[in-house]
Amino acid sequence: MQKNCLRITILKGGWSSEREISLKSAEFVANELTKLGHSVYELDIIKKDLRYLTDNLYNSNPDYVVNILHGCGGEDGVIQGVLEVFGVPYNSSGVLSSAIAFHKSICKNIVHVAGVNVIGGFGIRSDEIKNINIHRRLEISYPFVVKPAENGSSIGVFLISNDFDLANLKGLDWVFGKDVIVEHYIYGREFSVLVVDERVVGAVEILPKNQFYDYGSKYEENGSIHLCDFEIELDTRNKMYEMAETAFVACHCKGMARVDFKFDGRDIYFLEINTQPGMTASSLVPDIARFNHIRIDSILANNLSKSPIHE
């Protein structure tokens, strides 16, 4: 093994609705880490079983754990708590920050208090979806977005543009968690900013094939175009980067996180912060890393690589 290279166990799969994305992310990450000289062991969390997890962790004897689990159990503080007890360093955010960032409503409230501009809306329980009134509270009008407070990969996100969409939503058997967010839909450009150790290291503009950056736009072939050399006024760029760093700190994040924004031509709006973003070959973070000549092992883990963050 090369100098400064480690035994790394990658946690992948899991039991959430994002299992398949986790497996694809882990495949890409394992290949990249192996090319950099690290010794990689992939552990598929095929069942919700603590003994299975800990026995395999001990058997793999890692210097470092890279968690590539997505969704419930993987990025909400649950697996982070297990790894804290296990006692081996692991990537990205800890228990508290993972839980905060994963619950979009709580995260939104925290970053708003910190001074970050957020999209207007309100939270409801899933059993209230059938009673959504477009004139309720904040005078929500078409189009608006309804999405789970705790989910990822745009699973369960619905753009409601008219009465027909709303009727279909109300007739849906909601299976995406008990907490739901209803918020205005912001027309405009969408950006994703990569923050590492409290500092922005790059960003990308997303041009989705669909009306918004949904599951298909994220993971289907040619689903979207990623522009890392996008043009935007310097003041707007600086404001977005400042908000990304503020959100990162406000949520007590560590290591790496991706912060997403919409820009309507006048104002920048915070969408969410993702402490376990997708890491497939077509995902945003690898694109940002490649464009900015950043090593994957440097952004995946807190001080995993002994080399500087840039090659």
Protein backbone atom coordinates (compact mmCIF):
# COMPACT_ATOMS: atom_id res chain seq x y z
CA MET A 1 0.00 0.00 0.00
CA GLN A 2 1.26 3.45 -0.87
CA LYS A 3 2.33 5.93 1.77
CA ASN A 4 -0.57 7.80 3.39
CA CYS A 5 -3.10 5.32 1.98
CA LEU A 6 -5.63 3.68 4.27
CA ARG A 7 -7.83 0.67 4.81
CA ILE A 8 -11.27 2.08 4.06
CA THR A 9 -14.62 0.40 4.60
CA ILE A 10 -17.42 1.80 2.45
CA LEU A 11 -20.94 1.45 3.83
CA LYS A 12 -23.42 1.09 0.97
CA GLY A 13 -26.95 -0.02 0.14
CA GLY A 14 -29.06 0.30 3.25
CA TRP A 15 -32.80 -0.14 3.69
CA SER A 16 -34.15 3.22 2.48
CA SER A 17 -35.88 4.07 -0.80
CA GLU A 18 -32.50 5.36 -2.02
CA ARG A 19 -30.73 1.99 -1.80
CA GLU A 20 -30.05 1.74 -5.55
CA ILE A 21 -28.52 5.21 -5.67
CA SER A 22 -26.31 4.31 -2.72
CA LEU A 23 -25.04 1.21 -4.53
CA LYS A 24 -24.22 3.26 -7.65
CA SER A 25 -22.51 5.93 -5.54
CA ALA A 26 -20.44 3.30 -3.72
CA GLU A 27 -19.32 1.73 -6.99
CA PHE A 28 -17.97 5.07 -8.21
CA VAL A 29 -16.38 5.96 -4.87
CA ALA A 30 -14.73 2.55 -4.47
CA ASN A 31 -13.17 2.81 -7.93
CA GLU A 32 -11.88 6.32 -7.28
CA LEU A 33 -10.41 5.48 -3.87
CA THR A 34 -8.78 2.32 -5.22
CA LYS A 35 -7.16 4.30 -8.04
CA LEU A 36 -5.74 6.66 -5.40
CA GLY A 37 -4.08 3.70 -3.67
CA HIS A 38 -6.44 3.11 -0.75
CA SER A 39 -7.38 -0.45 0.25
CA VAL A 40 -11.17 -0.58 -0.07
CA TYR A 41 -13.70 -2.99 1.44
CA GLU A 42 -17.36 -2.57 0.49
CA LEU A 43 -19.95 -3.46 3.12
CA ASP A 44 -23.50 -3.77 1.83
CA ILE A 45 -25.94 -3.05 4.66
CA ILE A 46 -28.52 -5.51 3.34
CA LYS A 47 -30.62 -5.53 6.50
CA LYS A 48 -31.42 -3.40 9.51
CA ASP A 49 -29.32 -5.48 11.91
CA LEU A 50 -26.85 -3.96 14.38
CA ARG A 51 -24.93 -7.20 14.95
CA TYR A 52 -24.52 -7.75 11.21
CA LEU A 53 -23.17 -4.21 10.84
CA THR A 54 -20.77 -4.25 13.77
CA ASP A 55 -19.46 -7.78 13.11
CA ASN A 56 -18.61 -6.84 9.54
CA LEU A 57 -17.05 -3.55 10.62
CA TYR A 58 -14.76 -5.34 13.08
CA ASN A 59 -13.86 -7.96 10.48
CA SER A 60 -12.91 -5.32 7.92
CA ASN A 61 -10.64 -3.59 10.48
CA PRO A 62 -10.77 -0.15 8.82
CA ASP A 63 -8.63 2.89 9.45
CA TYR A 64 -11.54 4.92 8.14
CA VAL A 65 -15.22 4.43 7.30
CA VAL A 66 -16.76 6.15 4.28
CA ASN A 67 -20.53 6.21 4.65
CA ILE A 68 -22.27 6.22 1.26
CA LEU A 69 -25.70 5.28 2.63
CA HIS A 70 -28.49 7.59 1.47
CA GLY A 71 -31.87 8.34 2.97
CA CYS A 72 -33.36 7.19 6.28
CA GLY A 73 -30.85 5.40 8.47
CA GLY A 74 -27.89 6.54 6.38
CA GLU A 75 -27.85 10.31 6.54
CA ASP A 76 -30.22 11.19 9.38
CA GLY A 77 -27.83 10.57 12.28
CA VAL A 78 -28.68 6.90 12.85
CA ILE A 79 -25.61 5.27 11.28
CA GLN A 80 -23.48 8.17 12.52
CA GLY A 81 -24.46 7.26 16.10
CA VAL A 82 -23.37 3.66 15.52
CA LEU A 83 -20.04 4.82 14.10
CA GLU A 84 -19.49 7.11 17.09
CA VAL A 85 -19.77 4.08 19.37
CA PHE A 86 -17.64 1.99 17.04
CA GLY A 87 -14.89 4.57 17.46
CA VAL A 88 -13.37 4.70 13.96
CA PRO A 89 -13.26 8.05 12.09
CA TYR A 90 -15.90 8.47 9.40
CA ASN A 91 -16.70 10.98 6.69
CA SER A 92 -18.79 14.11 6.74
CA SER A 93 -21.20 15.26 9.44
CA GLY A 94 -21.91 13.76 12.85
CA VAL A 95 -25.11 12.75 14.60
CA LEU A 96 -26.59 16.18 15.33
CA SER A 97 -25.77 17.89 12.05
CA SER A 98 -26.87 14.88 10.01
CA ALA A 99 -30.23 14.84 11.77
CA ILE A 100 -30.68 18.60 11.34
CA ALA A 101 -29.79 18.65 7.65
CA PHE A 102 -31.92 15.60 6.84
CA HIS A 103 -35.11 17.15 8.22
CA LYS A 104 -35.63 19.89 5.63
CA SER A 105 -38.15 21.85 7.69
CA ILE A 106 -35.94 22.03 10.80
CA CYS A 107 -32.89 22.80 8.64
CA LYS A 108 -34.77 25.57 6.84
CA ASN A 109 -35.75 27.21 10.12
CA ILE A 110 -32.18 27.07 11.46
CA VAL A 111 -30.51 28.56 8.37
CA HIS A 112 -33.21 31.24 8.15
CA VAL A 113 -32.43 32.36 11.70
CA ALA A 114 -28.73 32.46 10.68
CA GLY A 115 -29.59 34.97 7.95
CA VAL A 116 -29.96 32.74 4.89
CA ASN A 117 -32.77 33.61 2.46
CA VAL A 118 -35.32 30.75 2.29
CA ILE A 119 -38.43 30.02 0.23
CA GLY A 120 -41.79 30.88 1.79
CA GLY A 121 -44.03 28.00 2.79
CA PHE A 122 -45.24 25.92 5.70
CA GLY A 123 -45.12 22.43 7.15
CA ILE A 124 -47.99 19.98 7.48
CA ARG A 125 -48.50 16.38 8.51
CA SER A 126 -49.02 13.78 5.81
CA ASP A 127 -52.64 13.23 6.89
CA GLU A 128 -53.31 16.92 6.10
CA ILE A 129 -52.38 16.60 2.41
CA LYS A 130 -55.96 15.81 1.45
CA ASN A 131 -57.00 19.15 2.97
CA ILE A 132 -54.40 21.41 1.34
CA ASN A 133 -55.99 24.73 0.42
CA ILE A 134 -54.05 26.89 -2.02
CA HIS A 135 -55.09 29.99 -0.06
CA ARG A 136 -53.98 28.63 3.30
CA ARG A 137 -51.65 30.60 5.60
CA LEU A 138 -49.09 32.06 3.21
CA GLU A 139 -51.51 32.45 0.30
CA ILE A 140 -49.85 29.54 -1.52
CA SER A 141 -50.85 29.67 -5.18
CA TYR A 142 -49.96 27.69 -8.28
CA PRO A 143 -47.35 26.56 -8.88
CA PHE A 144 -46.12 25.20 -5.55
CA VAL A 145 -44.05 22.25 -4.38
CA VAL A 146 -45.05 19.51 -1.97
CA LYS A 147 -42.22 17.34 -0.68
CA PRO A 148 -41.24 15.11 2.24
CA ALA A 149 -39.39 16.79 5.06
CA GLU A 150 -37.19 13.70 5.37
CA ASN A 151 -36.13 12.16 2.09
CA GLY A 152 -33.62 12.63 -0.70
CA SER A 153 -32.98 12.14 -4.43
CA SER A 154 -36.17 14.15 -5.12
CA ILE A 155 -38.23 11.07 -4.20
CA GLY A 156 -41.73 12.17 -3.25
CA VAL A 157 -41.34 15.71 -4.63
CA PHE A 158 -44.41 17.00 -6.50
CA LEU A 159 -44.76 20.19 -8.52
CA ILE A 160 -48.40 21.28 -8.30
CA SER A 161 -49.28 23.56 -11.21
CA ASN A 162 -53.08 23.36 -11.41
CA ASP A 163 -56.28 21.88 -9.96
CA PHE A 164 -55.66 18.59 -11.76
CA ASP A 165 -52.23 18.18 -10.13
CA LEU A 166 -53.69 19.04 -6.74
CA ALA A 167 -56.51 16.50 -7.11
CA ASN A 168 -53.99 13.80 -8.06
CA LEU A 169 -51.86 14.67 -5.04
CA LYS A 170 -54.84 14.47 -2.69
CA GLY A 171 -55.72 11.06 -4.09
CA LEU A 172 -52.21 9.73 -3.61
CA ASP A 173 -51.36 7.14 -0.96
CA TRP A 174 -48.53 9.13 0.66
CA VAL A 175 -45.65 6.86 1.68
CA PHE A 176 -42.88 9.44 2.09
CA GLY A 177 -42.97 10.13 5.83
CA LYS A 178 -45.22 11.96 8.25
CA ASP A 179 -43.72 15.48 7.91
CA VAL A 180 -44.41 17.38 4.68
CA ILE A 181 -43.29 20.76 3.32
CA VAL A 182 -45.45 22.99 1.14
CA GLU A 183 -43.61 25.92 -0.42
CA HIS A 184 -43.66 28.33 -3.34
CA TYR A 185 -42.09 27.18 -6.59
CA ILE A 186 -39.31 29.52 -7.64
CA TYR A 187 -38.82 29.95 -11.37
CA GLY A 188 -35.23 30.47 -12.39
CA ARG A 189 -31.76 28.99 -12.37
CA GLU A 190 -30.67 26.20 -10.01
CA PHE A 191 -27.21 25.91 -8.44
CA SER A 192 -25.42 23.48 -6.18
CA VAL A 193 -22.46 24.61 -4.09
CA LEU A 194 -19.83 22.28 -2.62
CA VAL A 195 -18.59 23.27 0.84
CA VAL A 196 -15.62 21.51 2.45
CA ASP A 197 -14.52 22.37 5.99
CA GLU A 198 -16.69 25.54 6.06
CA ARG A 199 -15.34 26.91 2.75
CA VAL A 200 -16.83 26.84 -0.74
CA VAL A 201 -14.56 24.97 -3.15
CA GLY A 202 -16.76 25.02 -6.24
CA ALA A 203 -20.27 25.10 -7.65
CA VAL A 204 -22.35 23.95 -10.60
CA GLU A 205 -25.40 25.23 -12.44
CA ILE A 206 -28.00 22.55 -13.18
CA LEU A 207 -30.00 22.51 -16.41
CA PRO A 208 -32.54 19.69 -15.91
CA LYS A 209 -34.38 18.08 -18.80
CA ASN A 210 -37.62 18.26 -16.82
CA GLN A 211 -39.32 21.28 -15.27
CA PHE A 212 -37.38 20.81 -12.05
CA TYR A 213 -34.42 18.73 -10.86
CA ASP A 214 -36.40 15.53 -10.20
CA TYR A 215 -35.25 11.92 -9.89
CA GLY A 216 -35.09 11.43 -13.65
CA SER A 217 -33.07 14.58 -14.17
CA LYS A 218 -30.64 13.47 -11.47
CA TYR A 219 -30.02 9.87 -12.44
CA GLU A 220 -31.21 9.10 -15.96
CA GLU A 221 -28.74 9.31 -18.84
CA ASN A 222 -28.68 12.86 -20.22
CA GLY A 223 -31.16 13.85 -17.52
CA SER A 224 -29.47 17.19 -16.97
CA ILE A 225 -26.52 19.35 -17.97
CA HIS A 226 -24.05 20.45 -15.31
CA LEU A 227 -22.25 23.73 -15.95
CA CYS A 228 -19.25 24.29 -13.70
CA ASP A 229 -18.14 27.32 -15.74
CA PHE A 230 -21.48 29.10 -15.44
CA GLU A 231 -21.74 32.88 -15.73
CA ILE A 232 -23.39 34.97 -13.04
CA GLU A 233 -22.82 38.41 -11.61
CA LEU A 234 -19.99 38.45 -9.07
CA ASP A 235 -22.15 39.96 -6.32
CA THR A 236 -24.76 37.22 -6.77
CA ARG A 237 -22.09 34.51 -6.76
CA ASN A 238 -20.51 35.90 -3.61
CA LYS A 239 -23.89 36.13 -1.90
CA MET A 240 -24.68 32.51 -2.78
CA TYR A 241 -21.29 31.30 -1.56
CA GLU A 242 -21.63 33.26 1.67
CA MET A 243 -25.07 31.73 2.29
CA ALA A 244 -23.69 28.23 1.58
CA GLU A 245 -20.96 28.67 4.17
CA THR A 246 -23.39 30.20 6.67
CA ALA A 247 -25.79 27.26 6.26
CA PHE A 248 -22.93 24.77 6.67
CA VAL A 249 -21.83 26.37 9.95
CA ALA A 250 -25.37 26.94 11.25
CA CYS A 251 -26.15 23.23 10.86
CA HIS A 252 -22.84 22.23 12.53
CA CYS A 253 -21.73 20.30 9.45
CA LYS A 254 -18.29 18.71 9.12
CA GLY A 255 -16.23 17.58 6.17
CA MET A 256 -18.22 17.95 2.97
CA ALA A 257 -21.78 19.06 2.20
CA ARG A 258 -23.66 20.21 -0.88
CA VAL A 259 -25.89 23.28 -0.57
CA ASP A 260 -28.58 23.88 -3.20
CA PHE A 261 -30.08 27.20 -4.32
CA LYS A 262 -32.54 28.76 -6.77
CA PHE A 263 -31.98 32.16 -8.40
CA ASP A 264 -34.98 34.00 -9.85
CA GLY A 265 -32.90 36.72 -11.49
CA ARG A 266 -33.11 38.94 -8.44
CA ASP A 267 -32.75 36.92 -5.24
CA ILE A 268 -30.94 33.74 -4.21
CA TYR A 269 -33.05 31.21 -2.26
CA PHE A 270 -31.78 28.33 -0.13
CA LEU A 271 -33.29 24.93 -1.06
CA GLU A 272 -31.52 22.42 1.17
CA ILE A 273 -28.20 21.18 2.50
CA ASN A 274 -27.16 17.60 1.79
CA THR A 275 -24.55 16.00 4.03
CA GLN A 276 -24.56 12.72 2.05
CA PRO A 277 -24.98 13.83 -1.58
CA GLY A 278 -25.09 11.38 -4.45
CA MET A 279 -21.66 10.22 -5.60
CA THR A 280 -22.45 8.42 -8.83
CA ALA A 281 -20.34 9.11 -11.90
CA SER A 282 -23.02 11.57 -13.09
CA SER A 283 -23.62 13.28 -9.74
CA LEU A 284 -22.96 16.93 -8.97
CA VAL A 285 -20.16 16.61 -6.40
CA PRO A 286 -17.83 14.53 -8.62
CA ASP A 287 -18.39 17.02 -11.45
CA ILE A 288 -17.49 19.95 -9.18
CA ALA A 289 -14.44 18.06 -7.92
CA ARG A 290 -13.18 17.24 -11.42
CA PHE A 291 -13.64 20.81 -12.65
CA ASN A 292 -11.74 22.23 -9.66
CA HIS A 293 -8.99 19.55 -9.67
CA ILE A 294 -9.95 18.25 -6.24
CA ARG A 295 -9.18 14.72 -5.09
CA ILE A 296 -12.22 12.60 -4.31
CA ASP A 297 -10.65 11.27 -1.11
CA SER A 298 -10.08 14.82 0.07
CA ILE A 299 -13.72 15.79 -0.18
CA LEU A 300 -15.21 12.47 0.92
CA ALA A 301 -13.70 12.39 4.35
CA ASN A 302 -12.54 14.62 7.15
CA ASN A 303 -8.75 14.64 6.76
CA LEU A 304 -8.76 11.21 5.07
CA SER A 305 -6.08 12.23 2.60
CA LYS A 306 -2.78 13.48 3.97
CA SER A 307 -2.28 15.50 0.80
CA PRO A 308 -3.67 19.01 0.26
CA ILE A 309 -7.25 19.28 -0.93
CA HIS A 310 -6.12 20.14 -4.45
CA GLU A 311 -3.93 17.84 -6.49
